Amino acid sequence: MRPSGYHIESLAVEAIRNYSGEFNYKEMLHHFFERGSQLVLRPINDSTGQSLRVDEYLGAPDSSTRQILSGRMERIARRMANADRAGSSDDWLAAIGE
């Protein structure tokens, strides 16, 4: 299951809402995957009013689809953290599929 672009955008807005870390792409992207892995477990309201939720296609809160996506995001965040500890930019880029 791949999240829609609008869903990713909404997740990013929610994840960064109260962000207090360093304001650079690397730190903020890591935060997105860490926080997003938690946020994706619950439906996100559609602020535009076009629909009730931006992620209705993922089902109910804590659905198996939501848990799978959460696990994927958590693994990416963990790979980023491991790459940071190892000082490996190649591993960090591999974590995000580059």
PDB file of N, CA and C in Angstrom:
ATOM      1  N   MET A   1       0.849  -1.182   0.000  1.00  0.00           N
ATOM      2  CA  MET A   1       0.000   0.000   0.000  1.00  0.00           C
ATOM      3  C   MET A   1       0.888   1.237   0.000  1.00  0.00           C
ATOM      4  N   ARG A   2       0.676   2.080  -0.974  1.00  0.00           N
ATOM      5  CA  ARG A   2       1.403   3.338  -1.056  1.00  0.00           C
ATOM      6  C   ARG A   2       0.463   4.472  -0.684  1.00  0.00           C
ATOM      7  N   PRO A   3       0.910   5.345   0.201  1.00  0.00           N
ATOM      8  CA  PRO A   3       0.065   6.490   0.553  1.00  0.00           C
ATOM      9  C   PRO A   3      -0.036   7.468  -0.612  1.00  0.00           C
ATOM     10  N   SER A   4      -1.152   8.147  -0.697  1.00  0.00           N
ATOM     11  CA  SER A   4      -1.333   9.137  -1.757  1.00  0.00           C
ATOM     12  C   SER A   4      -0.462  10.361  -1.462  1.00  0.00           C
ATOM     13  N   GLY A   5      -0.216  11.147  -2.501  1.00  0.00           N
ATOM     14  CA  GLY A   5       0.576  12.363  -2.330  1.00  0.00           C
ATOM     15  C   GLY A   5      -0.067  13.316  -1.344  1.00  0.00           C
ATOM     16  N   TYR A   6      -1.389  13.432  -1.431  1.00  0.00           N
ATOM     17  CA  TYR A   6      -2.109  14.332  -0.515  1.00  0.00           C
ATOM     18  C   TYR A   6      -2.006  13.817   0.919  1.00  0.00           C
ATOM     19  N   HIS A   7      -2.038  12.506   1.085  1.00  0.00           N
ATOM     20  CA  HIS A   7      -1.905  11.920   2.418  1.00  0.00           C
ATOM     21  C   HIS A   7      -0.508  12.217   2.983  1.00  0.00           C
ATOM     22  N   ILE A   8       0.533  12.057   2.173  1.00  0.00           N
ATOM     23  CA  ILE A   8       1.900  12.353   2.609  1.00  0.00           C
ATOM     24  C   ILE A   8       2.008  13.818   3.017  1.00  0.00           C
ATOM     25  N   GLU A   9       1.419  14.676   2.214  1.00  0.00           N
ATOM     26  CA  GLU A   9       1.444  16.108   2.518  1.00  0.00           C
ATOM     27  C   GLU A   9       0.758  16.393   3.854  1.00  0.00           C
ATOM     28  N   SER A  10      -0.392  15.786   4.074  1.00  0.00           N
ATOM     29  CA  SER A  10      -1.126  15.981   5.328  1.00  0.00           C
ATOM     30  C   SER A  10      -0.360  15.406   6.518  1.00  0.00           C
ATOM     31  N   LEU A  11       0.273  14.238   6.320  1.00  0.00           N
ATOM     32  CA  LEU A  11       1.105  13.651   7.377  1.00  0.00           C
ATOM     33  C   LEU A  11       2.258  14.587   7.726  1.00  0.00           C
ATOM     34  N   ALA A  12       2.884  15.159   6.709  1.00  0.00           N
ATOM     35  CA  ALA A  12       4.015  16.059   6.938  1.00  0.00           C
ATOM     36  C   ALA A  12       3.587  17.280   7.741  1.00  0.00           C
ATOM     37  N   VAL A  13       2.446  17.845   7.393  1.00  0.00           N
ATOM     38  CA  VAL A  13       1.944  19.013   8.125  1.00  0.00           C
ATOM     39  C   VAL A  13       1.717  18.654   9.593  1.00  0.00           C
ATOM     40  N   GLU A  14       1.098  17.509   9.842  1.00  0.00           N
ATOM     41  CA  GLU A  14       0.852  17.072  11.218  1.00  0.00           C
ATOM     42  C   GLU A  14       2.153  16.759  11.954  1.00  0.00           C
ATOM     43  N   ALA A  15       3.066  16.092  11.290  1.00  0.00           N
ATOM     44  CA  ALA A  15       4.322  15.685  11.928  1.00  0.00           C
ATOM     45  C   ALA A  15       5.180  16.885  12.313  1.00  0.00           C
ATOM     46  N   ILE A  16       5.162  17.908  11.498  1.00  0.00           N
ATOM     47  CA  ILE A  16       6.030  19.065  11.711  1.00  0.00           C
ATOM     48  C   ILE A  16       5.349  20.154  12.541  1.00  0.00           C
ATOM     49  N   ARG A  17       4.069  19.985  12.799  1.00  0.00           N
ATOM     50  CA  ARG A  17       3.277  21.021  13.498  1.00  0.00           C
ATOM     51  C   ARG A  17       3.984  21.563  14.743  1.00  0.00           C
ATOM     52  N   ASN A  18       4.434  20.730  15.625  1.00  0.00           N
ATOM     53  CA  ASN A  18       5.092  21.179  16.855  1.00  0.00           C
ATOM     54  C   ASN A  18       6.572  20.793  16.883  1.00  0.00           C
ATOM     55  N   TYR A  19       7.180  20.717  15.726  1.00  0.00           N
ATOM     56  CA  TYR A  19       8.583  20.322  15.605  1.00  0.00           C
ATOM     57  C   TYR A  19       9.480  21.363  16.267  1.00  0.00           C
ATOM     58  N   SER A  20      10.416  20.888  17.072  1.00  0.00           N
ATOM     59  CA  SER A  20      11.304  21.820  17.757  1.00  0.00           C
ATOM     60  C   SER A  20      12.779  21.471  17.543  1.00  0.00           C
ATOM     61  N   GLY A  21      13.044  20.570  16.610  1.00  0.00           N
ATOM     62  CA  GLY A  21      14.431  20.185  16.339  1.00  0.00           C
ATOM     63  C   GLY A  21      15.118  21.156  15.407  1.00  0.00           C
ATOM     64  N   GLU A  22      16.254  20.715  14.888  1.00  0.00           N
ATOM     65  CA  GLU A  22      17.009  21.535  13.945  1.00  0.00           C
ATOM     66  C   GLU A  22      16.229  21.700  12.644  1.00  0.00           C
ATOM     67  N   PHE A  23      16.299  22.891  12.081  1.00  0.00           N
ATOM     68  CA  PHE A  23      15.579  23.167  10.842  1.00  0.00           C
ATOM     69  C   PHE A  23      16.479  22.944   9.640  1.00  0.00           C
ATOM     70  N   ASN A  24      16.693  21.649   9.342  1.00  0.00           N
ATOM     71  CA  ASN A  24      17.394  21.270   8.122  1.00  0.00           C
ATOM     72  C   ASN A  24      16.678  20.049   7.556  1.00  0.00           C
ATOM     73  N   TYR A  25      16.848  19.825   6.273  1.00  0.00           N
ATOM     74  CA  TYR A  25      16.084  18.766   5.599  1.00  0.00           C
ATOM     75  C   TYR A  25      16.296  17.393   6.218  1.00  0.00           C
ATOM     76  N   LYS A  26      17.533  17.086   6.543  1.00  0.00           N
ATOM     77  CA  LYS A  26      17.861  15.763   7.068  1.00  0.00           C
ATOM     78  C   LYS A  26      17.130  15.488   8.382  1.00  0.00           C
ATOM     79  N   GLU A  27      17.234  16.412   9.324  1.00  0.00           N
ATOM     80  CA  GLU A  27      16.596  16.228  10.635  1.00  0.00           C
ATOM     81  C   GLU A  27      15.074  16.218  10.514  1.00  0.00           C
ATOM     82  N   MET A  28      14.556  17.087   9.685  1.00  0.00           N
ATOM     83  CA  MET A  28      13.106  17.172   9.542  1.00  0.00           C
ATOM     84  C   MET A  28      12.544  15.935   8.829  1.00  0.00           C
ATOM     85  N   LEU A  29      13.283  15.402   7.859  1.00  0.00           N
ATOM     86  CA  LEU A  29      12.832  14.185   7.166  1.00  0.00           C
ATOM     87  C   LEU A  29      12.833  13.003   8.123  1.00  0.00           C
ATOM     88  N   HIS A  30      13.875  12.904   8.937  1.00  0.00           N
ATOM     89  CA  HIS A  30      13.922  11.836   9.935  1.00  0.00           C
ATOM     90  C   HIS A  30      12.740  11.971  10.902  1.00  0.00           C
ATOM     91  N   HIS A  31      12.475  13.180  11.345  1.00  0.00           N
ATOM     92  CA  HIS A  31      11.342  13.426  12.242  1.00  0.00           C
ATOM     93  C   HIS A  31      10.022  13.033  11.570  1.00  0.00           C
ATOM     94  N   PHE A  32       9.883  13.362  10.289  1.00  0.00           N
ATOM     95  CA  PHE A  32       8.663  13.005   9.554  1.00  0.00           C
ATOM     96  C   PHE A  32       8.415  11.503   9.621  1.00  0.00           C
ATOM     97  N   PHE A  33       9.438  10.696   9.361  1.00  0.00           N
ATOM     98  CA  PHE A  33       9.237   9.249   9.373  1.00  0.00           C
ATOM     99  C   PHE A  33       8.992   8.715  10.782  1.00  0.00           C
ATOM    100  N   GLU A  34       9.683   9.275  11.774  1.00  0.00           N
ATOM    101  CA  GLU A  34       9.459   8.846  13.151  1.00  0.00           C
ATOM    102  C   GLU A  34       8.045   9.189  13.606  1.00  0.00           C
ATOM    103  N   ARG A  35       7.677  10.439  13.489  1.00  0.00           N
ATOM    104  CA  ARG A  35       6.360  10.912  13.943  1.00  0.00           C
ATOM    105  C   ARG A  35       5.257  10.372  13.039  1.00  0.00           C
ATOM    106  N   GLY A  36       5.509  10.333  11.744  1.00  0.00           N
ATOM    107  CA  GLY A  36       4.516   9.835  10.795  1.00  0.00           C
ATOM    108  C   GLY A  36       4.135   8.392  11.050  1.00  0.00           C
ATOM    109  N   SER A  37       5.095   7.597  11.520  1.00  0.00           N
ATOM    110  CA  SER A  37       4.797   6.186  11.809  1.00  0.00           C
ATOM    111  C   SER A  37       3.753   6.054  12.914  1.00  0.00           C
ATOM    112  N   GLN A  38       3.658   7.043  13.781  1.00  0.00           N
ATOM    113  CA  GLN A  38       2.636   7.048  14.829  1.00  0.00           C
ATOM    114  C   GLN A  38       1.333   7.655  14.305  1.00  0.00           C
ATOM    115  N   LEU A  39       1.462   8.758  13.577  1.00  0.00           N
ATOM    116  CA  LEU A  39       0.287   9.471  13.085  1.00  0.00           C
ATOM    117  C   LEU A  39      -0.539   8.658  12.099  1.00  0.00           C
ATOM    118  N   VAL A  40       0.114   7.828  11.316  1.00  0.00           N
ATOM    119  CA  VAL A  40      -0.580   7.081  10.274  1.00  0.00           C
ATOM    120  C   VAL A  40      -1.547   6.042  10.860  1.00  0.00           C
ATOM    121  N   LEU A  41      -1.400   5.737  12.121  1.00  0.00           N
ATOM    122  CA  LEU A  41      -2.278   4.744  12.754  1.00  0.00           C
ATOM    123  C   LEU A  41      -3.696   5.265  12.970  1.00  0.00           C
ATOM    124  N   ARG A  42      -3.880   6.567  12.917  1.00  0.00           N
ATOM    125  CA  ARG A  42      -5.193   7.190  13.100  1.00  0.00           C
ATOM    126  C   ARG A  42      -5.548   8.009  11.856  1.00  0.00           C
ATOM    127  N   PRO A  43      -6.828   8.048  11.490  1.00  0.00           N
ATOM    128  CA  PRO A  43      -7.232   8.856  10.331  1.00  0.00           C
ATOM    129  C   PRO A  43      -6.918  10.343  10.535  1.00  0.00           C
ATOM    130  N   ILE A  44      -6.596  11.007   9.440  1.00  0.00           N
ATOM    131  CA  ILE A  44      -6.293  12.438   9.461  1.00  0.00           C
ATOM    132  C   ILE A  44      -7.441  13.187   8.797  1.00  0.00           C
ATOM    133  N   ASN A  45      -7.961  14.193   9.491  1.00  0.00           N
ATOM    134  CA  ASN A  45      -9.046  15.002   8.939  1.00  0.00           C
ATOM    135  C   ASN A  45      -8.574  15.755   7.707  1.00  0.00           C
ATOM    136  N   ASP A  46      -9.461  15.903   6.746  1.00  0.00           N
ATOM    137  CA  ASP A  46      -9.164  16.662   5.535  1.00  0.00           C
ATOM    138  C   ASP A  46      -9.482  18.127   5.803  1.00  0.00           C
ATOM    139  N   SER A  47      -8.465  18.961   5.926  1.00  0.00           N
ATOM    140  CA  SER A  47      -8.649  20.374   6.252  1.00  0.00           C
ATOM    141  C   SER A  47      -9.299  21.163   5.111  1.00  0.00           C
ATOM    142  N   THR A  48      -9.281  20.611   3.898  1.00  0.00           N
ATOM    143  CA  THR A  48      -9.871  21.322   2.764  1.00  0.00           C
ATOM    144  C   THR A  48     -11.376  21.132   2.683  1.00  0.00           C
ATOM    145  N   GLY A  49     -11.904  20.138   3.374  1.00  0.00           N
ATOM    146  CA  GLY A  49     -13.331  19.867   3.331  1.00  0.00           C
ATOM    147  C   GLY A  49     -13.761  19.057   2.117  1.00  0.00           C
ATOM    148  N   GLN A  50     -12.825  18.616   1.284  1.00  0.00           N
ATOM    149  CA  GLN A  50     -13.170  17.828   0.111  1.00  0.00           C
ATOM    150  C   GLN A  50     -13.683  16.448   0.494  1.00  0.00           C
ATOM    151  N   SER A  51     -13.204  15.946   1.623  1.00  0.00           N
ATOM    152  CA  SER A  51     -13.678  14.671   2.154  1.00  0.00           C
ATOM    153  C   SER A  51     -13.530  14.734   3.666  1.00  0.00           C
ATOM    154  N   LEU A  52     -14.043  13.726   4.345  1.00  0.00           N
ATOM    155  CA  LEU A  52     -13.952  13.710   5.797  1.00  0.00           C
ATOM    156  C   LEU A  52     -12.520  13.439   6.255  1.00  0.00           C
ATOM    157  N   ARG A  53     -11.875  12.453   5.625  1.00  0.00           N
ATOM    158  CA  ARG A  53     -10.510  12.055   5.984  1.00  0.00           C
ATOM    159  C   ARG A  53      -9.644  11.974   4.723  1.00  0.00           C
ATOM    160  N   VAL A  54      -8.370  12.291   4.842  1.00  0.00           N
ATOM    161  CA  VAL A  54      -7.477  12.212   3.680  1.00  0.00           C
ATOM    162  C   VAL A  54      -7.011  10.790   3.428  1.00  0.00           C
ATOM    163  N   ASP A  55      -7.203   9.927   4.410  1.00  0.00           N
ATOM    164  CA  ASP A  55      -6.663   8.568   4.320  1.00  0.00           C
ATOM    165  C   ASP A  55      -7.716   7.492   4.574  1.00  0.00           C
ATOM    166  N   GLU A  56      -8.912   7.730   4.102  1.00  0.00           N
ATOM    167  CA  GLU A  56      -9.992   6.752   4.276  1.00  0.00           C
ATOM    168  C   GLU A  56      -9.626   5.395   3.686  1.00  0.00           C
ATOM    169  N   TYR A  57      -8.827   5.396   2.646  1.00  0.00           N
ATOM    170  CA  TYR A  57      -8.436   4.158   1.964  1.00  0.00           C
ATOM    171  C   TYR A  57      -7.616   3.222   2.852  1.00  0.00           C
ATOM    172  N   LEU A  58      -7.122   3.729   3.992  1.00  0.00           N
ATOM    173  CA  LEU A  58      -6.346   2.894   4.912  1.00  0.00           C
ATOM    174  C   LEU A  58      -7.223   2.190   5.952  1.00  0.00           C
ATOM    175  N   GLY A  59      -8.506   2.526   5.960  1.00  0.00           N
ATOM    176  CA  GLY A  59      -9.423   1.851   6.870  1.00  0.00           C
ATOM    177  C   GLY A  59      -9.502   2.489   8.244  1.00  0.00           C
ATOM    178  N   ALA A  60     -10.006   1.706   9.178  1.00  0.00           N
ATOM    179  CA  ALA A  60     -10.246   2.159  10.551  1.00  0.00           C
ATOM    180  C   ALA A  60      -8.928   2.409  11.293  1.00  0.00           C
ATOM    181  N   PRO A  61      -9.012   3.121  12.419  1.00  0.00           N
ATOM    182  CA  PRO A  61      -7.813   3.299  13.239  1.00  0.00           C
ATOM    183  C   PRO A  61      -7.181   1.946  13.584  1.00  0.00           C
ATOM    184  N   ASP A  62      -5.864   1.896  13.535  1.00  0.00           N
ATOM    185  CA  ASP A  62      -5.100   0.690  13.858  1.00  0.00           C
ATOM    186  C   ASP A  62      -5.403  -0.508  12.954  1.00  0.00           C
ATOM    187  N   SER A  63      -5.963  -0.263  11.778  1.00  0.00           N
ATOM    188  CA  SER A  63      -6.228  -1.365  10.848  1.00  0.00           C
ATOM    189  C   SER A  63      -4.910  -2.019  10.453  1.00  0.00           C
ATOM    190  N   SER A  64      -4.989  -3.204   9.910  1.00  0.00           N
ATOM    191  CA  SER A  64      -3.757  -3.893   9.504  1.00  0.00           C
ATOM    192  C   SER A  64      -3.019  -3.098   8.434  1.00  0.00           C
ATOM    193  N   THR A  65      -3.734  -2.434   7.548  1.00  0.00           N
ATOM    194  CA  THR A  65      -3.100  -1.611   6.517  1.00  0.00           C
ATOM    195  C   THR A  65      -2.344  -0.451   7.145  1.00  0.00           C
ATOM    196  N   ARG A  66      -2.956   0.192   8.135  1.00  0.00           N
ATOM    197  CA  ARG A  66      -2.291   1.292   8.840  1.00  0.00           C
ATOM    198  C   ARG A  66      -1.058   0.789   9.588  1.00  0.00           C
ATOM    199  N   GLN A  67      -1.154  -0.371  10.193  1.00  0.00           N
ATOM    200  CA  GLN A  67      -0.025  -0.925  10.939  1.00  0.00           C
ATOM    201  C   GLN A  67       1.133  -1.272  10.010  1.00  0.00           C
ATOM    202  N   ILE A  68       0.826  -1.791   8.836  1.00  0.00           N
ATOM    203  CA  ILE A  68       1.866  -2.112   7.854  1.00  0.00           C
ATOM    204  C   ILE A  68       2.588  -0.841   7.428  1.00  0.00           C
ATOM    205  N   LEU A  69       1.835   0.186   7.092  1.00  0.00           N
ATOM    206  CA  LEU A  69       2.433   1.456   6.674  1.00  0.00           C
ATOM    207  C   LEU A  69       3.241   2.065   7.819  1.00  0.00           C
ATOM    208  N   SER A  70       2.721   1.989   9.027  1.00  0.00           N
ATOM    209  CA  SER A  70       3.440   2.487  10.196  1.00  0.00           C
ATOM    210  C   SER A  70       4.777   1.761  10.354  1.00  0.00           C
ATOM    211  N   GLY A  71       4.754   0.450  10.215  1.00  0.00           N
ATOM    212  CA  GLY A  71       5.977  -0.338  10.330  1.00  0.00           C
ATOM    213  C   GLY A  71       6.997   0.035   9.275  1.00  0.00           C
ATOM    214  N   ARG A  72       6.540   0.281   8.068  1.00  0.00           N
ATOM    215  CA  ARG A  72       7.457   0.679   6.987  1.00  0.00           C
ATOM    216  C   ARG A  72       8.114   2.020   7.303  1.00  0.00           C
ATOM    217  N   MET A  73       7.301   2.958   7.779  1.00  0.00           N
ATOM    218  CA  MET A  73       7.836   4.274   8.111  1.00  0.00           C
ATOM    219  C   MET A  73       8.806   4.188   9.292  1.00  0.00           C
ATOM    220  N   GLU A  74       8.479   3.363  10.255  1.00  0.00           N
ATOM    221  CA  GLU A  74       9.342   3.179  11.420  1.00  0.00           C
ATOM    222  C   GLU A  74      10.693   2.571  11.008  1.00  0.00           C
ATOM    223  N   ARG A  75      10.663   1.607  10.087  1.00  0.00           N
ATOM    224  CA  ARG A  75      11.914   0.999   9.608  1.00  0.00           C
ATOM    225  C   ARG A  75      12.792   2.018   8.881  1.00  0.00           C
ATOM    226  N   ILE A  76      12.170   2.881   8.095  1.00  0.00           N
ATOM    227  CA  ILE A  76      12.944   3.918   7.408  1.00  0.00           C
ATOM    228  C   ILE A  76      13.595   4.845   8.428  1.00  0.00           C
ATOM    229  N   ALA A  77      12.836   5.258   9.443  1.00  0.00           N
ATOM    230  CA  ALA A  77      13.388   6.129  10.492  1.00  0.00           C
ATOM    231  C   ALA A  77      14.537   5.434  11.215  1.00  0.00           C
ATOM    232  N   ARG A  78      14.395   4.152  11.484  1.00  0.00           N
ATOM    233  CA  ARG A  78      15.443   3.390  12.172  1.00  0.00           C
ATOM    234  C   ARG A  78      16.699   3.286  11.293  1.00  0.00           C
ATOM    235  N   ARG A  79      16.509   3.056   9.993  1.00  0.00           N
ATOM    236  CA  ARG A  79      17.654   2.989   9.078  1.00  0.00           C
ATOM    237  C   ARG A  79      18.384   4.330   9.019  1.00  0.00           C
ATOM    238  N   MET A  80      17.630   5.422   9.031  1.00  0.00           N
ATOM    239  CA  MET A  80      18.240   6.756   9.041  1.00  0.00           C
ATOM    240  C   MET A  80      19.072   6.946  10.303  1.00  0.00           C
ATOM    241  N   ALA A  81      18.517   6.570  11.439  1.00  0.00           N
ATOM    242  CA  ALA A  81      19.229   6.714  12.713  1.00  0.00           C
ATOM    243  C   ALA A  81      20.486   5.848  12.733  1.00  0.00           C
ATOM    244  N   ASN A  82      20.385   4.621  12.230  1.00  0.00           N
ATOM    245  CA  ASN A  82      21.554   3.733  12.175  1.00  0.00           C
ATOM    246  C   ASN A  82      22.636   4.318  11.264  1.00  0.00           C
ATOM    247  N   ALA A  83      22.215   4.881  10.142  1.00  0.00           N
ATOM    248  CA  ALA A  83      23.176   5.488   9.216  1.00  0.00           C
ATOM    249  C   ALA A  83      23.853   6.691   9.858  1.00  0.00           C
ATOM    250  N   ASP A  84      23.099   7.468  10.637  1.00  0.00           N
ATOM    251  CA  ASP A  84      23.691   8.601  11.353  1.00  0.00           C
ATOM    252  C   ASP A  84      24.754   8.125  12.332  1.00  0.00           C
ATOM    253  N   ARG A  85      24.425   7.086  13.100  1.00  0.00           N
ATOM    254  CA  ARG A  85      25.382   6.562  14.080  1.00  0.00           C
ATOM    255  C   ARG A  85      26.644   6.026  13.394  1.00  0.00           C
ATOM    256  N   ALA A  86      26.470   5.439  12.212  1.00  0.00           N
ATOM    257  CA  ALA A  86      27.610   4.893  11.467  1.00  0.00           C
ATOM    258  C   ALA A  86      28.339   5.966  10.667  1.00  0.00           C
ATOM    259  N   GLY A  87      27.732   7.155  10.566  1.00  0.00           N
ATOM    260  CA  GLY A  87      28.343   8.231   9.785  1.00  0.00           C
ATOM    261  C   GLY A  87      28.347   7.940   8.295  1.00  0.00           C
ATOM    262  N   SER A  88      27.329   7.192   7.838  1.00  0.00           N
ATOM    263  CA  SER A  88      27.294   6.767   6.441  1.00  0.00           C
ATOM    264  C   SER A  88      26.214   7.498   5.651  1.00  0.00           C
ATOM    265  N   SER A  89      26.650   8.403   4.791  1.00  0.00           N
ATOM    266  CA  SER A  89      25.670   9.097   3.943  1.00  0.00           C
ATOM    267  C   SER A  89      25.083   8.141   2.913  1.00  0.00           C
ATOM    268  N   ASP A  90      25.853   7.150   2.465  1.00  0.00           N
ATOM    269  CA  ASP A  90      25.333   6.159   1.505  1.00  0.00           C
ATOM    270  C   ASP A  90      24.197   5.354   2.136  1.00  0.00           C
ATOM    271  N   ASP A  91      24.365   4.916   3.389  1.00  0.00           N
ATOM    272  CA  ASP A  91      23.306   4.177   4.081  1.00  0.00           C
ATOM    273  C   ASP A  91      22.100   5.052   4.310  1.00  0.00           C
ATOM    274  N   TRP A  92      22.326   6.318   4.602  1.00  0.00           N
ATOM    275  CA  TRP A  92      21.221   7.246   4.840  1.00  0.00           C
ATOM    276  C   TRP A  92      20.404   7.409   3.562  1.00  0.00           C
ATOM    277  N   LEU A  93      21.085   7.592   2.457  1.00  0.00           N
ATOM    278  CA  LEU A  93      20.392   7.740   1.181  1.00  0.00           C
ATOM    279  C   LEU A  93      19.688   6.435   0.792  1.00  0.00           C
ATOM    280  N   ALA A  94      20.285   5.302   1.097  1.00  0.00           N
ATOM    281  CA  ALA A  94      19.647   4.007   0.815  1.00  0.00           C
ATOM    282  C   ALA A  94      18.365   3.863   1.618  1.00  0.00           C
ATOM    283  N   ALA A  95      18.334   4.418   2.813  1.00  0.00           N
ATOM    284  CA  ALA A  95      17.141   4.330   3.657  1.00  0.00           C
ATOM    285  C   ALA A  95      15.928   4.992   3.012  1.00  0.00           C
ATOM    286  N   ILE A  96      16.188   6.020   2.218  1.00  0.00           N
ATOM    287  CA  ILE A  96      15.072   6.712   1.555  1.00  0.00           C
ATOM    288  C   ILE A  96      14.950   6.345   0.083  1.00  0.00           C
ATOM    289  N   GLY A  97      15.706   5.324  -0.312  1.00  0.00           N
ATOM    290  CA  GLY A  97      15.565   4.819  -1.670  1.00  0.00           C
ATOM    291  C   GLY A  97      16.316   5.604  -2.728  1.00  0.00           C
ATOM    292  N   GLU A  98      17.343   6.307  -2.352  1.00  0.00           N
ATOM    293  CA  GLU A  98      18.146   7.072  -3.326  1.00  0.00           C
ATOM    294  C   GLU A  98      19.416   6.329  -3.656  1.00  0.00           C
TER     295      GLU A  98
END
